[in-house]
PDB file of all heavy atoms in Angstrom:
ATOM      1  N   LYS A   1     -18.108   3.230 -63.626  1.00  0.00           N
ATOM      2  CA  LYS A   1     -17.692   3.230 -65.051  1.00  0.00           C
ATOM      3  C   LYS A   1     -16.939   1.986 -65.316  1.00  0.00           C
ATOM      4  O   LYS A   1     -17.061   1.299 -66.338  1.00  0.00           O
ATOM      5  CB  LYS A   1     -17.078   4.524 -65.407  1.00  0.00           C
ATOM      6  CG  LYS A   1     -16.619   4.717 -66.840  1.00  0.00           C
ATOM      7  CD  LYS A   1     -15.939   5.934 -67.106  1.00  0.00           C
ATOM      8  CE  LYS A   1     -15.451   6.052 -68.647  1.00  0.00           C
ATOM      9  NZ  LYS A   1     -14.803   7.299 -68.919  1.00  0.00           N
ATOM     10  N   HIS A   2     -15.976   1.782 -64.436  1.00  0.00           N
ATOM     11  CA  HIS A   2     -15.029   0.523 -64.640  1.00  0.00           C
ATOM     12  C   HIS A   2     -15.929  -0.742 -64.628  1.00  0.00           C
ATOM     13  O   HIS A   2     -15.695  -1.616 -65.480  1.00  0.00           O
ATOM     14  CB  HIS A   2     -14.046   0.518 -63.509  1.00  0.00           C
ATOM     15  CG  HIS A   2     -13.151  -0.724 -63.604  1.00  0.00           C
ATOM     16  ND1 HIS A   2     -12.254  -0.931 -64.591  1.00  0.00           N
ATOM     17  CD2 HIS A   2     -13.195  -1.773 -62.689  1.00  0.00           C
ATOM     18  CE1 HIS A   2     -11.634  -2.117 -64.314  1.00  0.00           C
ATOM     19  NE2 HIS A   2     -12.206  -2.639 -63.254  1.00  0.00           N
ATOM     20  N   ILE A   3     -16.831  -0.823 -63.659  1.00  0.00           N
ATOM     21  CA  ILE A   3     -17.648  -2.066 -63.570  1.00  0.00           C
ATOM     22  C   ILE A   3     -18.610  -2.194 -64.844  1.00  0.00           C
ATOM     23  O   ILE A   3     -18.656  -3.284 -65.353  1.00  0.00           O
ATOM     24  CB  ILE A   3     -18.440  -1.988 -62.252  1.00  0.00           C
ATOM     25  CG1 ILE A   3     -17.572  -2.161 -61.112  1.00  0.00           C
ATOM     26  CG2 ILE A   3     -19.535  -3.322 -62.226  1.00  0.00           C
ATOM     27  CD1 ILE A   3     -18.347  -2.059 -59.748  1.00  0.00           C
ATOM     28  N   SER A   4     -19.066  -1.074 -65.236  1.00  0.00           N
ATOM     29  CA  SER A   4     -19.932  -1.113 -66.471  1.00  0.00           C
ATOM     30  C   SER A   4     -19.143  -1.478 -67.709  1.00  0.00           C
ATOM     31  O   SER A   4     -19.634  -2.326 -68.597  1.00  0.00           O
ATOM     32  CB  SER A   4     -20.574   0.290 -66.703  1.00  0.00           C
ATOM     33  OG  SER A   4     -21.385   0.612 -65.596  1.00  0.00           O
ATOM     34  N   THR A   5     -17.901  -1.061 -67.728  1.00  0.00           N
ATOM     35  CA  THR A   5     -16.975  -1.377 -68.896  1.00  0.00           C
ATOM     36  C   THR A   5     -16.801  -2.937 -68.779  1.00  0.00           C
ATOM     37  O   THR A   5     -16.789  -3.573 -69.907  1.00  0.00           O
ATOM     38  CB  THR A   5     -15.746  -0.577 -68.862  1.00  0.00           C
ATOM     39  OG1 THR A   5     -15.966   0.803 -68.911  1.00  0.00           O
ATOM     40  CG2 THR A   5     -14.892  -0.976 -69.989  1.00  0.00           C
ATOM     41  N   VAL A   6     -16.416  -3.503 -67.658  1.00  0.00           N
ATOM     42  CA  VAL A   6     -16.138  -4.880 -67.524  1.00  0.00           C
ATOM     43  C   VAL A   6     -17.352  -5.736 -67.905  1.00  0.00           C
ATOM     44  O   VAL A   6     -17.276  -6.654 -68.688  1.00  0.00           O
ATOM     45  CB  VAL A   6     -15.713  -5.164 -66.106  1.00  0.00           C
ATOM     46  CG1 VAL A   6     -15.651  -6.720 -65.805  1.00  0.00           C
ATOM     47  CG2 VAL A   6     -14.376  -4.605 -65.701  1.00  0.00           C
ATOM     48  N   ILE A   7     -18.548  -5.266 -67.448  1.00  0.00           N
ATOM     49  CA  ILE A   7     -19.739  -6.092 -67.786  1.00  0.00           C
ATOM     50  C   ILE A   7     -20.042  -5.993 -69.333  1.00  0.00           C
ATOM     51  O   ILE A   7     -20.290  -7.058 -70.024  1.00  0.00           O
ATOM     52  CB  ILE A   7     -20.956  -5.517 -67.001  1.00  0.00           C
ATOM     53  CG1 ILE A   7     -20.815  -5.762 -65.506  1.00  0.00           C
ATOM     54  CG2 ILE A   7     -22.256  -6.099 -67.531  1.00  0.00           C
ATOM     55  CD1 ILE A   7     -21.887  -5.111 -64.665  1.00  0.00           C
ATOM     56  N   ASN A   8     -19.836  -4.867 -69.924  1.00  0.00           N
ATOM     57  CA  ASN A   8     -20.003  -4.599 -71.363  1.00  0.00           C
ATOM     58  C   ASN A   8     -19.037  -5.536 -72.121  1.00  0.00           C
ATOM     59  O   ASN A   8     -19.472  -6.161 -73.074  1.00  0.00           O
ATOM     60  CB  ASN A   8     -19.960  -3.184 -71.695  1.00  0.00           C
ATOM     61  CG  ASN A   8     -20.201  -3.014 -73.116  1.00  0.00           C
ATOM     62  OD1 ASN A   8     -21.366  -3.345 -73.653  1.00  0.00           O
ATOM     63  ND2 ASN A   8     -19.261  -2.448 -73.884  1.00  0.00           N
ATOM     64  N   ASP A   9     -17.776  -5.435 -71.745  1.00  0.00           N
ATOM     65  CA  ASP A   9     -16.740  -6.268 -72.451  1.00  0.00           C
ATOM     66  C   ASP A   9     -16.959  -7.771 -72.415  1.00  0.00           C
ATOM     67  O   ASP A   9     -16.769  -8.397 -73.443  1.00  0.00           O
ATOM     68  CB  ASP A   9     -15.322  -5.738 -71.960  1.00  0.00           C
ATOM     69  CG  ASP A   9     -14.991  -4.473 -72.408  1.00  0.00           C
ATOM     70  OD1 ASP A   9     -15.639  -3.878 -73.334  1.00  0.00           O
ATOM     71  OD2 ASP A   9     -13.944  -3.906 -71.742  1.00  0.00           O
ATOM     72  N   GLU A  10     -17.267  -8.144 -71.172  1.00  0.00           N
ATOM     73  CA  GLU A  10     -17.450  -9.578 -70.933  1.00  0.00           C
ATOM     74  C   GLU A  10     -18.767 -10.173 -71.570  1.00  0.00           C
ATOM     75  O   GLU A  10     -18.719 -11.228 -72.053  1.00  0.00           O
ATOM     76  CB  GLU A  10     -17.536  -9.870 -69.435  1.00  0.00           C
ATOM     77  CG  GLU A  10     -16.070  -9.728 -68.762  1.00  0.00           C
ATOM     78  CD  GLU A  10     -14.980 -10.467 -69.298  1.00  0.00           C
ATOM     79  OE1 GLU A  10     -15.206 -11.700 -69.680  1.00  0.00           O
ATOM     80  OE2 GLU A  10     -13.903  -9.996 -69.461  1.00  0.00           O
ATOM     81  N   THR A  11     -19.719  -9.246 -71.673  1.00  0.00           N
ATOM     82  CA  THR A  11     -20.920  -9.655 -72.335  1.00  0.00           C
ATOM     83  C   THR A  11     -20.592  -9.812 -73.853  1.00  0.00           C
ATOM     84  O   THR A  11     -21.096 -10.777 -74.460  1.00  0.00           O
ATOM     85  CB  THR A  11     -22.039  -8.565 -72.174  1.00  0.00           C
ATOM     86  OG1 THR A  11     -22.308  -8.469 -70.766  1.00  0.00           O
ATOM     87  CG2 THR A  11     -23.342  -8.989 -72.771  1.00  0.00           C
ATOM     88  N   LYS A  12     -19.827  -8.869 -74.414  1.00  0.00           N
ATOM     89  CA  LYS A  12     -19.507  -8.984 -75.831  1.00  0.00           C
ATOM     90  C   LYS A  12     -18.677 -10.302 -76.073  1.00  0.00           C
ATOM     91  O   LYS A  12     -18.882 -10.956 -77.128  1.00  0.00           O
ATOM     92  CB  LYS A  12     -18.700  -7.726 -76.294  1.00  0.00           C
ATOM     93  CG  LYS A  12     -19.540  -6.532 -76.409  1.00  0.00           C
ATOM     94  CD  LYS A  12     -18.699  -5.281 -76.870  1.00  0.00           C
ATOM     95  CE  LYS A  12     -19.570  -4.079 -77.087  1.00  0.00           C
ATOM     96  NZ  LYS A  12     -18.700  -2.952 -77.613  1.00  0.00           N
ATOM     97  N   ARG A  13     -17.806 -10.402 -75.176  1.00  0.00           N
ATOM     98  CA  ARG A  13     -16.904 -11.717 -75.287  1.00  0.00           C
ATOM     99  C   ARG A  13     -17.844 -13.000 -75.209  1.00  0.00           C
ATOM    100  O   ARG A  13     -17.699 -13.942 -75.968  1.00  0.00           O
ATOM    101  CB  ARG A  13     -15.999 -11.717 -74.144  1.00  0.00           C
ATOM    102  CG  ARG A  13     -14.989 -12.922 -74.240  1.00  0.00           C
ATOM    103  CD  ARG A  13     -13.995 -12.848 -73.047  1.00  0.00           C
ATOM    104  NE  ARG A  13     -13.126 -14.089 -72.958  1.00  0.00           N
ATOM    105  CZ  ARG A  13     -12.301 -14.341 -72.064  1.00  0.00           C
ATOM    106  NH1 ARG A  13     -12.143 -13.452 -71.084  1.00  0.00           N
ATOM    107  NH2 ARG A  13     -11.548 -15.382 -72.060  1.00  0.00           N
ATOM    108  N   LEU A  14     -18.735 -12.931 -74.353  1.00  0.00           N
ATOM    109  CA  LEU A  14     -19.594 -14.116 -74.134  1.00  0.00           C
ATOM    110  C   LEU A  14     -20.500 -14.249 -75.428  1.00  0.00           C
ATOM    111  O   LEU A  14     -20.784 -15.400 -75.876  1.00  0.00           O
ATOM    112  CB  LEU A  14     -20.538 -13.988 -72.892  1.00  0.00           C
ATOM    113  CG  LEU A  14     -21.367 -15.139 -72.563  1.00  0.00           C
ATOM    114  CD1 LEU A  14     -20.546 -16.435 -72.299  1.00  0.00           C
ATOM    115  CD2 LEU A  14     -22.256 -14.875 -71.302  1.00  0.00           C
ATOM    116  N   GLY A  15     -20.966 -13.086 -75.962  1.00  0.00           N
ATOM    117  CA  GLY A  15     -21.825 -13.132 -77.163  1.00  0.00           C
ATOM    118  C   GLY A  15     -21.015 -13.696 -78.327  1.00  0.00           C
ATOM    119  O   GLY A  15     -21.529 -14.517 -79.259  1.00  0.00           O
ATOM    120  N   PHE A  16     -19.751 -13.334 -78.388  1.00  0.00           N
ATOM    121  CA  PHE A  16     -18.906 -13.819 -79.501  1.00  0.00           C
ATOM    122  C   PHE A  16     -18.654 -15.329 -79.474  1.00  0.00           C
ATOM    123  O   PHE A  16     -18.720 -15.928 -80.433  1.00  0.00           O
ATOM    124  CB  PHE A  16     -17.513 -13.025 -79.339  1.00  0.00           C
ATOM    125  CG  PHE A  16     -16.520 -13.519 -80.527  1.00  0.00           C
ATOM    126  CD1 PHE A  16     -16.564 -13.013 -81.757  1.00  0.00           C
ATOM    127  CD2 PHE A  16     -15.465 -14.300 -80.073  1.00  0.00           C
ATOM    128  CE1 PHE A  16     -15.729 -13.570 -82.712  1.00  0.00           C
ATOM    129  CE2 PHE A  16     -14.548 -14.782 -80.996  1.00  0.00           C
ATOM    130  CZ  PHE A  16     -14.666 -14.359 -82.370  1.00  0.00           C
ATOM    131  N   GLN A  17     -18.473 -15.815 -78.227  1.00  0.00           N
ATOM    132  CA  GLN A  17     -18.299 -17.278 -77.955  1.00  0.00           C
ATOM    133  C   GLN A  17     -19.621 -18.002 -78.406  1.00  0.00           C
ATOM    134  O   GLN A  17     -19.565 -19.023 -79.052  1.00  0.00           O
ATOM    135  CB  GLN A  17     -17.976 -17.662 -76.552  1.00  0.00           C
ATOM    136  CG  GLN A  17     -16.641 -16.934 -76.135  1.00  0.00           C
ATOM    137  CD  GLN A  17     -15.444 -17.374 -76.984  1.00  0.00           C
ATOM    138  OE1 GLN A  17     -15.527 -18.380 -77.609  1.00  0.00           O
ATOM    139  NE2 GLN A  17     -14.300 -16.754 -76.816  1.00  0.00           N
ATOM    140  N   VAL A  18     -20.749 -17.398 -78.131  1.00  0.00           N
ATOM    141  CA  VAL A  18     -22.048 -18.018 -78.502  1.00  0.00           C
ATOM    142  C   VAL A  18     -22.081 -18.058 -80.004  1.00  0.00           C
ATOM    143  O   VAL A  18     -22.622 -19.095 -80.516  1.00  0.00           O
ATOM    144  CB  VAL A  18     -23.236 -17.280 -77.750  1.00  0.00           C
ATOM    145  CG1 VAL A  18     -24.562 -17.737 -78.379  1.00  0.00           C
ATOM    146  CG2 VAL A  18     -23.186 -17.367 -76.262  1.00  0.00           C
ATOM    147  N   ASP A  19     -21.740 -17.049 -80.672  1.00  0.00           N
ATOM    148  CA  ASP A  19     -21.781 -17.055 -82.141  1.00  0.00           C
ATOM    149  C   ASP A  19     -20.909 -18.122 -82.706  1.00  0.00           C
ATOM    150  O   ASP A  19     -21.236 -18.806 -83.714  1.00  0.00           O
ATOM    151  CB  ASP A  19     -21.234 -15.662 -82.598  1.00  0.00           C
ATOM    152  CG  ASP A  19     -22.293 -14.558 -82.316  1.00  0.00           C
ATOM    153  OD1 ASP A  19     -23.586 -14.896 -82.204  1.00  0.00           O
ATOM    154  OD2 ASP A  19     -21.916 -13.337 -82.444  1.00  0.00           O
ATOM    155  N   LYS A  20     -19.813 -18.336 -82.133  1.00  0.00           N
ATOM    156  CA  LYS A  20     -18.853 -19.451 -82.501  1.00  0.00           C
ATOM    157  C   LYS A  20     -19.599 -20.753 -82.396  1.00  0.00           C
ATOM    158  O   LYS A  20     -19.429 -21.661 -83.264  1.00  0.00           O
ATOM    159  CB  LYS A  20     -17.540 -19.426 -81.666  1.00  0.00           C
ATOM    160  CG  LYS A  20     -16.589 -18.254 -81.977  1.00  0.00           C
ATOM    161  CD  LYS A  20     -15.842 -18.591 -83.284  1.00  0.00           C
ATOM    162  CE  LYS A  20     -14.765 -17.531 -83.483  1.00  0.00           C
ATOM    163  NZ  LYS A  20     -14.033 -17.864 -84.700  1.00  0.00           N
ATOM    164  N   VAL A  21     -20.243 -20.926 -81.294  1.00  0.00           N
ATOM    165  CA  VAL A  21     -20.930 -22.227 -81.162  1.00  0.00           C
ATOM    166  C   VAL A  21     -22.005 -22.405 -82.108  1.00  0.00           C
ATOM    167  O   VAL A  21     -22.214 -23.544 -82.697  1.00  0.00           O
ATOM    168  CB  VAL A  21     -21.502 -22.350 -79.707  1.00  0.00           C
ATOM    169  CG1 VAL A  21     -22.302 -23.614 -79.513  1.00  0.00           C
ATOM    170  CG2 VAL A  21     -20.275 -22.348 -78.654  1.00  0.00           C
ATOM    171  N   LEU A  22     -22.793 -21.307 -82.366  1.00  0.00           N
ATOM    172  CA  LEU A  22     -23.926 -21.299 -83.312  1.00  0.00           C
ATOM    173  C   LEU A  22     -23.355 -21.641 -84.766  1.00  0.00           C
ATOM    174  O   LEU A  22     -24.180 -22.082 -85.652  1.00  0.00           O
ATOM    175  CB  LEU A  22     -24.752 -20.035 -83.277  1.00  0.00           C
ATOM    176  CG  LEU A  22     -25.434 -19.830 -82.045  1.00  0.00           C
ATOM    177  CD1 LEU A  22     -26.147 -18.349 -82.118  1.00  0.00           C
ATOM    178  CD2 LEU A  22     -26.557 -20.830 -81.786  1.00  0.00           C
ATOM    179  N   GLN A  23     -22.047 -21.430 -85.023  1.00  0.00           N
ATOM    180  CA  GLN A  23     -21.638 -21.729 -86.339  1.00  0.00           C
ATOM    181  C   GLN A  23     -21.645 -23.253 -86.651  1.00  0.00           C
ATOM    182  O   GLN A  23     -21.765 -23.647 -87.851  1.00  0.00           O
ATOM    183  CB  GLN A  23     -20.155 -21.225 -86.588  1.00  0.00           C
ATOM    184  CG  GLN A  23     -20.077 -19.815 -86.623  1.00  0.00           C
ATOM    185  CD  GLN A  23     -18.621 -19.332 -86.693  1.00  0.00           C
ATOM    186  OE1 GLN A  23     -17.684 -20.145 -86.637  1.00  0.00           O
ATOM    187  NE2 GLN A  23     -18.267 -18.102 -86.747  1.00  0.00           N
ATOM    188  N   MET A  24     -21.726 -23.994 -85.592  1.00  0.00           N
ATOM    189  CA  MET A  24     -21.839 -25.456 -85.732  1.00  0.00           C
ATOM    190  C   MET A  24     -23.095 -25.916 -86.424  1.00  0.00           C
ATOM    191  O   MET A  24     -23.035 -26.861 -87.285  1.00  0.00           O
ATOM    192  CB  MET A  24     -21.893 -26.154 -84.351  1.00  0.00           C
ATOM    193  CG  MET A  24     -20.615 -26.077 -83.611  1.00  0.00           C
ATOM    194  SD  MET A  24     -20.723 -26.985 -82.055  1.00  0.00           S
ATOM    195  CE  MET A  24     -21.257 -28.609 -82.567  1.00  0.00           C
ATOM    196  N   ALA A  25     -24.147 -25.086 -86.373  1.00  0.00           N
ATOM    197  CA  ALA A  25     -25.384 -25.400 -87.006  1.00  0.00           C
ATOM    198  C   ALA A  25     -25.359 -25.385 -88.557  1.00  0.00           C
ATOM    199  O   ALA A  25     -25.990 -26.087 -89.259  1.00  0.00           O
ATOM    200  CB  ALA A  25     -26.513 -24.608 -86.594  1.00  0.00           C
ATOM    201  N   MET A  26     -24.348 -24.550 -88.957  1.00  0.00           N
ATOM    202  CA  MET A  26     -24.179 -24.328 -90.412  1.00  0.00           C
ATOM    203  C   MET A  26     -23.591 -25.630 -91.107  1.00  0.00           C
ATOM    204  O   MET A  26     -23.837 -25.840 -92.306  1.00  0.00           O
ATOM    205  CB  MET A  26     -23.279 -23.227 -90.753  1.00  0.00           C
ATOM    206  CG  MET A  26     -23.804 -21.890 -90.129  1.00  0.00           C
ATOM    207  SD  MET A  26     -22.856 -20.531 -90.738  1.00  0.00           S
ATOM    208  CE  MET A  26     -23.448 -20.581 -92.447  1.00  0.00           C
TER     209      MET A  26
END
C-alpha cells in the first residue's frame, strides 16, 4: 500500500510538472 501510494503521488507530481511545461505552448 505504501509503495502504491508513493508511485501514485509521484506520478501525479510528474504529471503536474508536465502540465506546467505544456503551458509554454500557450
